[in-house]
Amino acid sequence: MLARLRQDAMIVAPTGIRVLVATKPVDFRKGMDGLAAYVQEAFKANPFSGVIYVFRAKRADRVKLLFWDQTGLVLVTKRLEDARFRWPAIQDGVTRLSPAQLSALLEGLDWARVDARRVVRPTATQ
């Protein structure tokens, strides 16, 4: 699902995958089972649905991704050394990001400046 090509390559999510960011910080001592339970309880969602769930720590320098890749539950953790991630405002609920915005977030960039253009699906060929 997520690919890492080389040590200096970006983490890239496939186009069309849903990405949901938990806007409230979570306890970063939680592992994959604790975060999966959090998804079920707090969001009434299925952590095994293929959606990428993104979690932040109180300090804005750490992020965790949780997703099901059809073979098992995957937990990815990243810490920025001399910077902070750009996060949505802290509130209850989730914010949806595009895969391109997720890549920008993980690089420490301002994901809100990434314009995810949506076009209407054609109904017929020309």
Protein backbone atom coordinates (compact mmCIF):
# COMPACT_ATOMS: atom_id res chain seq x y z
CA MET A 1 0.00 0.00 0.00
CA LEU A 2 2.62 2.54 1.01
CA ALA A 3 5.87 2.32 -0.89
CA ARG A 4 9.37 3.26 0.14
CA LEU A 5 11.77 3.00 -2.77
CA ARG A 6 15.06 4.24 -1.32
CA GLN A 7 16.25 5.79 1.91
CA ASP A 8 15.81 9.29 0.43
CA ALA A 9 12.49 8.56 -1.32
CA MET A 10 9.12 9.85 -0.20
CA ILE A 11 6.44 7.62 1.30
CA VAL A 12 3.70 7.54 -1.32
CA ALA A 13 0.10 6.39 -0.98
CA PRO A 14 -1.70 5.17 -4.11
CA THR A 15 -4.14 7.49 -5.82
CA GLY A 16 -7.71 6.96 -4.70
CA ILE A 17 -6.90 5.70 -1.20
CA ARG A 18 -8.76 7.41 1.63
CA VAL A 19 -6.60 9.18 4.22
CA LEU A 20 -8.14 10.33 7.52
CA VAL A 21 -6.26 12.43 10.08
CA ALA A 22 -7.29 12.26 13.73
CA THR A 23 -7.13 15.94 14.62
CA LYS A 24 -6.79 15.40 18.39
CA PRO A 25 -3.40 14.18 19.65
CA VAL A 26 -3.31 10.56 20.82
CA ASP A 27 -1.19 8.80 23.42
CA PHE A 28 1.89 7.81 21.42
CA ARG A 29 2.54 4.84 23.70
CA LYS A 30 -0.32 3.12 21.85
CA GLY A 31 0.70 0.45 19.40
CA MET A 32 -1.24 -0.91 16.45
CA ASP A 33 -3.85 -2.70 18.57
CA GLY A 34 -4.47 0.36 20.74
CA LEU A 35 -4.78 2.64 17.72
CA ALA A 36 -7.09 0.16 15.95
CA ALA A 37 -9.31 0.15 19.04
CA TYR A 38 -9.20 3.97 19.04
CA VAL A 39 -10.41 4.03 15.42
CA GLN A 40 -13.30 1.71 16.33
CA GLU A 41 -14.31 3.56 19.50
CA ALA A 42 -13.68 7.22 18.68
CA PHE A 43 -14.61 7.23 14.99
CA LYS A 44 -16.99 4.25 14.82
CA ALA A 45 -14.92 3.10 11.82
CA ASN A 46 -13.33 -0.14 10.71
CA PRO A 47 -9.51 -0.02 11.01
CA PHE A 48 -9.32 -3.00 8.60
CA SER A 49 -11.08 -1.21 5.72
CA GLY A 50 -7.97 -0.09 3.82
CA VAL A 51 -8.22 3.54 4.94
CA ILE A 52 -4.95 5.13 6.11
CA TYR A 53 -5.46 6.60 9.59
CA VAL A 54 -3.00 9.32 10.61
CA PHE A 55 -2.33 10.18 14.26
CA ARG A 56 -0.36 12.99 15.87
CA ALA A 57 1.41 13.31 19.18
CA LYS A 58 0.98 16.26 21.55
CA ARG A 59 4.32 17.51 20.30
CA ALA A 60 3.79 18.15 16.62
CA ASP A 61 7.05 16.45 15.63
CA ARG A 62 5.73 12.86 15.49
CA VAL A 63 3.20 11.03 13.34
CA LYS A 64 1.85 7.47 13.16
CA LEU A 65 0.04 5.86 10.23
CA LEU A 66 -2.17 2.82 10.70
CA PHE A 67 -3.63 0.80 7.82
CA TRP A 68 -4.62 -2.68 6.73
CA ASP A 69 -2.72 -3.88 3.62
CA GLN A 70 -4.77 -7.08 2.98
CA THR A 71 -2.14 -9.22 4.75
CA GLY A 72 -1.89 -7.52 8.13
CA LEU A 73 -2.11 -4.35 10.13
CA VAL A 74 0.74 -1.90 9.40
CA LEU A 75 2.03 0.80 11.74
CA VAL A 76 4.42 3.46 10.40
CA THR A 77 6.05 6.02 12.70
CA LYS A 78 7.99 9.14 11.75
CA ARG A 79 9.67 11.84 13.82
CA LEU A 80 10.96 15.11 12.35
CA GLU A 81 14.30 16.05 13.88
CA ASP A 82 14.43 19.85 13.54
CA ALA A 83 10.91 20.75 12.53
CA ARG A 84 7.25 20.15 13.26
CA PHE A 85 4.51 18.67 11.11
CA ARG A 86 1.77 21.02 9.90
CA TRP A 87 -1.45 19.75 11.51
CA PRO A 88 -5.11 20.69 11.14
CA ALA A 89 -6.61 22.61 14.06
CA ILE A 90 -7.14 20.43 17.15
CA GLN A 91 -10.81 19.45 17.42
CA ASP A 92 -12.92 16.32 17.71
CA GLY A 93 -13.17 14.16 14.62
CA VAL A 94 -11.09 13.66 11.52
CA THR A 95 -9.88 15.60 8.50
CA ARG A 96 -9.65 13.97 5.10
CA LEU A 97 -6.46 14.36 3.04
CA SER A 98 -5.60 13.32 -0.48
CA PRO A 99 -2.65 10.94 -1.00
CA ALA A 100 -0.63 13.92 -2.32
CA GLN A 101 -1.42 15.92 0.81
CA LEU A 102 -0.36 12.96 2.98
CA SER A 103 2.99 12.84 1.16
CA ALA A 104 3.46 16.57 1.78
CA LEU A 105 2.56 16.16 5.46
CA LEU A 106 5.09 13.35 5.90
CA GLU A 107 7.80 15.47 4.29
CA GLY A 108 7.12 18.25 6.81
CA LEU A 109 5.58 20.52 4.16
CA ASP A 110 2.40 22.56 4.41
CA TRP A 111 -0.09 19.97 3.10
CA ALA A 112 -2.89 22.55 2.98
CA ARG A 113 -1.12 24.24 0.06
CA VAL A 114 -1.30 21.06 -2.05
CA ASP A 115 -4.31 21.42 -4.31
CA ALA A 116 -5.97 18.08 -4.88
CA ARG A 117 -7.92 18.79 -8.07
CA ARG A 118 -11.00 16.71 -8.53
CA VAL A 119 -12.57 16.24 -11.94
CA VAL A 120 -15.91 14.76 -12.84
CA ARG A 121 -15.62 11.21 -14.11
CA PRO A 122 -16.52 11.03 -17.84
CA THR A 123 -19.66 9.10 -18.68
CA ALA A 124 -18.60 8.29 -22.24
CA THR A 125 -15.56 8.42 -24.50
CA GLN A 126 -15.23 11.09 -27.16
